[in-house]
Amino acid sequence: MDGFSKDGCSRKKKVNIERPISTALFTLHAMQAGLTLTDLALLDTGFVLDMIAERLNDSFDWPEKAGQDDFDRFKSM
């Protein structure tokens, strides 16, 4: 099962980041996420980075979605 771990879940894709995040790059991603400079003044950096990461995850085509059985198994853990 190429690309999957022993439990059947897909492994995280390793991505080489060739450049560190700069103020300009951070601001660009924040603006692309719909944030204004006023928003950036009110939010902390970690929160904005989480928003940027979630925005990037939105375009990922997840191969499988959790069903009720999955939630029931998670609850019983």
N, C-alpha and C. Protein backbone atom coordinates (compact mmCIF):
# COMPACT_ATOMS: atom_id res chain seq x y z
N MET A 1 0.84 -1.18 0.00
CA MET A 1 0.00 0.00 0.00
C MET A 1 0.88 1.24 0.00
N ASP A 2 1.27 1.67 -1.14
CA ASP A 2 2.17 2.80 -1.28
C ASP A 2 1.48 4.09 -0.84
N GLY A 3 2.17 4.89 -0.03
CA GLY A 3 1.62 6.17 0.42
C GLY A 3 0.74 6.05 1.65
N PHE A 4 0.63 4.82 2.21
CA PHE A 4 -0.21 4.63 3.38
C PHE A 4 0.60 3.98 4.49
N SER A 5 0.26 4.31 5.73
CA SER A 5 0.92 3.69 6.86
C SER A 5 0.25 2.36 7.17
N LYS A 6 0.74 1.64 8.17
CA LYS A 6 0.21 0.32 8.50
C LYS A 6 -1.26 0.34 8.90
N ASP A 7 -1.73 1.45 9.49
CA ASP A 7 -3.13 1.51 9.92
C ASP A 7 -4.06 1.94 8.79
N GLY A 8 -3.56 2.10 7.58
CA GLY A 8 -4.39 2.44 6.44
C GLY A 8 -4.57 3.92 6.20
N CYS A 9 -4.05 4.76 7.09
CA CYS A 9 -4.17 6.21 6.91
C CYS A 9 -3.03 6.69 6.02
N SER A 10 -3.34 7.68 5.21
CA SER A 10 -2.30 8.19 4.32
C SER A 10 -1.26 8.96 5.12
N ARG A 11 -0.03 8.85 4.69
CA ARG A 11 1.06 9.57 5.36
C ARG A 11 1.09 11.00 4.87
N LYS A 12 1.59 11.88 5.74
CA LYS A 12 1.74 13.28 5.35
C LYS A 12 2.74 13.39 4.23
N LYS A 13 2.43 14.22 3.28
CA LYS A 13 3.33 14.46 2.17
C LYS A 13 4.46 15.37 2.65
N LYS A 14 5.69 14.98 2.39
CA LYS A 14 6.83 15.80 2.78
C LYS A 14 7.04 16.88 1.73
N VAL A 15 7.05 18.12 2.19
CA VAL A 15 7.21 19.24 1.28
C VAL A 15 8.48 19.99 1.66
N ASN A 16 9.34 20.21 0.69
CA ASN A 16 10.53 21.01 0.94
C ASN A 16 10.17 22.48 0.83
N ILE A 17 10.39 23.19 1.90
CA ILE A 17 10.18 24.64 1.88
C ILE A 17 11.54 25.26 1.63
N GLU A 18 11.67 25.88 0.48
CA GLU A 18 12.97 26.37 0.08
C GLU A 18 13.27 27.77 0.59
N ARG A 19 12.23 28.47 1.07
CA ARG A 19 12.49 29.81 1.58
C ARG A 19 11.74 29.99 2.89
N PRO A 20 12.37 30.67 3.83
CA PRO A 20 11.68 30.93 5.10
C PRO A 20 10.57 31.96 4.90
N ILE A 21 9.58 31.94 5.77
CA ILE A 21 8.51 32.92 5.65
C ILE A 21 9.04 34.29 6.07
N SER A 22 8.75 35.27 5.26
CA SER A 22 9.15 36.65 5.56
C SER A 22 7.90 37.46 5.87
N THR A 23 8.09 38.67 6.30
CA THR A 23 6.96 39.54 6.58
C THR A 23 6.10 39.75 5.34
N ALA A 24 6.76 39.93 4.20
CA ALA A 24 6.02 40.15 2.96
C ALA A 24 5.22 38.90 2.57
N LEU A 25 5.81 37.73 2.70
CA LEU A 25 5.12 36.49 2.36
C LEU A 25 3.96 36.23 3.33
N PHE A 26 4.20 36.47 4.62
CA PHE A 26 3.15 36.33 5.63
C PHE A 26 1.97 37.26 5.31
N THR A 27 2.27 38.50 4.99
CA THR A 27 1.22 39.47 4.66
C THR A 27 0.48 39.08 3.39
N LEU A 28 1.21 38.60 2.39
CA LEU A 28 0.57 38.15 1.15
C LEU A 28 -0.42 37.02 1.42
N HIS A 29 0.00 36.00 2.16
CA HIS A 29 -0.89 34.88 2.47
C HIS A 29 -2.08 35.34 3.31
N ALA A 30 -1.85 36.26 4.22
CA ALA A 30 -2.94 36.78 5.04
C ALA A 30 -3.95 37.54 4.19
N MET A 31 -3.47 38.34 3.26
CA MET A 31 -4.37 39.07 2.36
C MET A 31 -5.15 38.11 1.45
N GLN A 32 -4.48 37.06 0.98
CA GLN A 32 -5.16 36.07 0.15
C GLN A 32 -6.24 35.33 0.94
N ALA A 33 -6.06 35.24 2.27
CA ALA A 33 -7.06 34.61 3.13
C ALA A 33 -8.19 35.57 3.47
N GLY A 34 -8.10 36.82 2.99
CA GLY A 34 -9.17 37.79 3.22
C GLY A 34 -8.99 38.67 4.44
N LEU A 35 -7.82 38.66 5.03
CA LEU A 35 -7.56 39.49 6.20
C LEU A 35 -7.06 40.87 5.78
N THR A 36 -7.44 41.87 6.54
CA THR A 36 -6.96 43.22 6.30
C THR A 36 -5.82 43.53 7.26
N LEU A 37 -5.16 44.65 7.05
CA LEU A 37 -4.09 45.05 7.98
C LEU A 37 -4.64 45.30 9.37
N THR A 38 -5.86 45.79 9.46
CA THR A 38 -6.51 45.98 10.77
C THR A 38 -6.72 44.64 11.45
N ASP A 39 -7.15 43.64 10.69
CA ASP A 39 -7.31 42.29 11.24
C ASP A 39 -5.98 41.77 11.78
N LEU A 40 -4.90 41.99 11.02
CA LEU A 40 -3.58 41.52 11.44
C LEU A 40 -3.13 42.19 12.73
N ALA A 41 -3.53 43.42 12.93
CA ALA A 41 -3.16 44.13 14.16
C ALA A 41 -3.89 43.55 15.37
N LEU A 42 -5.06 42.96 15.14
CA LEU A 42 -5.87 42.44 16.25
C LEU A 42 -5.63 40.95 16.54
N LEU A 43 -5.05 40.22 15.58
CA LEU A 43 -4.85 38.78 15.73
C LEU A 43 -3.39 38.47 15.99
N ASP A 44 -3.14 37.38 16.73
CA ASP A 44 -1.74 37.01 16.94
C ASP A 44 -1.24 36.16 15.76
N THR A 45 0.05 36.06 15.64
CA THR A 45 0.69 35.42 14.50
C THR A 45 0.28 33.96 14.37
N GLY A 46 0.23 33.24 15.48
CA GLY A 46 -0.13 31.82 15.44
C GLY A 46 -1.52 31.59 14.87
N PHE A 47 -2.46 32.45 15.26
CA PHE A 47 -3.83 32.33 14.77
C PHE A 47 -3.88 32.55 13.26
N VAL A 48 -3.15 33.55 12.80
CA VAL A 48 -3.13 33.85 11.37
C VAL A 48 -2.47 32.71 10.60
N LEU A 49 -1.38 32.14 11.13
CA LEU A 49 -0.73 31.00 10.48
C LEU A 49 -1.67 29.81 10.41
N ASP A 50 -2.46 29.57 11.46
CA ASP A 50 -3.45 28.49 11.44
C ASP A 50 -4.49 28.74 10.36
N MET A 51 -4.93 29.99 10.22
CA MET A 51 -5.92 30.32 9.18
C MET A 51 -5.34 30.08 7.79
N ILE A 52 -4.08 30.45 7.60
CA ILE A 52 -3.42 30.26 6.31
C ILE A 52 -3.30 28.76 6.01
N ALA A 53 -2.90 27.97 7.01
CA ALA A 53 -2.77 26.52 6.82
C ALA A 53 -4.12 25.89 6.47
N GLU A 54 -5.16 26.29 7.16
CA GLU A 54 -6.49 25.75 6.86
C GLU A 54 -6.95 26.15 5.46
N ARG A 55 -6.63 27.35 5.07
CA ARG A 55 -7.00 27.80 3.71
C ARG A 55 -6.30 26.95 2.67
N LEU A 56 -5.03 26.62 2.90
CA LEU A 56 -4.28 25.78 1.97
C LEU A 56 -4.83 24.35 1.98
N ASN A 57 -5.32 23.87 3.12
CA ASN A 57 -5.90 22.53 3.20
C ASN A 57 -7.24 22.44 2.48
N ASP A 58 -7.95 23.55 2.34
CA ASP A 58 -9.25 23.54 1.68
C ASP A 58 -9.16 23.08 0.24
N SER A 59 -8.04 23.34 -0.41
CA SER A 59 -7.91 22.95 -1.81
C SER A 59 -7.45 21.51 -1.98
N PHE A 60 -7.10 20.83 -0.87
CA PHE A 60 -6.65 19.45 -0.94
C PHE A 60 -7.85 18.53 -1.11
N ASP A 61 -7.77 17.60 -2.04
CA ASP A 61 -8.85 16.65 -2.29
C ASP A 61 -8.66 15.45 -1.36
N TRP A 62 -9.36 15.47 -0.22
CA TRP A 62 -9.22 14.40 0.75
C TRP A 62 -9.84 13.13 0.17
N PRO A 63 -9.12 12.01 0.18
CA PRO A 63 -9.60 10.80 -0.46
C PRO A 63 -10.77 10.13 0.28
N GLU A 64 -10.92 10.41 1.56
CA GLU A 64 -11.93 9.71 2.33
C GLU A 64 -12.48 10.65 3.40
N LYS A 65 -13.77 10.57 3.65
CA LYS A 65 -14.39 11.37 4.70
C LYS A 65 -14.88 10.44 5.79
N ALA A 66 -14.85 10.93 7.02
CA ALA A 66 -15.29 10.12 8.16
C ALA A 66 -16.81 9.92 8.11
N GLY A 67 -17.23 8.72 8.47
CA GLY A 67 -18.65 8.40 8.55
C GLY A 67 -19.06 8.24 10.01
N GLN A 68 -20.30 7.90 10.26
CA GLN A 68 -20.79 7.76 11.62
C GLN A 68 -20.04 6.67 12.37
N ASP A 69 -19.72 5.56 11.70
CA ASP A 69 -18.96 4.48 12.35
C ASP A 69 -17.61 4.98 12.86
N ASP A 70 -16.96 5.82 12.07
CA ASP A 70 -15.67 6.38 12.48
C ASP A 70 -15.82 7.24 13.73
N PHE A 71 -16.85 8.06 13.79
CA PHE A 71 -17.08 8.90 14.96
C PHE A 71 -17.40 8.05 16.18
N ASP A 72 -18.19 6.98 16.00
CA ASP A 72 -18.52 6.11 17.11
C ASP A 72 -17.28 5.40 17.66
N ARG A 73 -16.39 4.95 16.75
CA ARG A 73 -15.14 4.32 17.20
C ARG A 73 -14.26 5.33 17.93
N PHE A 74 -14.21 6.55 17.45
CA PHE A 74 -13.40 7.58 18.10
C PHE A 74 -13.94 7.88 19.50
N LYS A 75 -15.25 7.95 19.63
CA LYS A 75 -15.88 8.25 20.91
C LYS A 75 -15.60 7.16 21.94
N SER A 76 -15.53 5.91 21.48
CA SER A 76 -15.32 4.78 22.41
C SER A 76 -13.87 4.63 22.85
N MET A 77 -12.95 5.39 22.27
CA MET A 77 -11.53 5.28 22.63
C MET A 77 -11.26 5.80 24.01
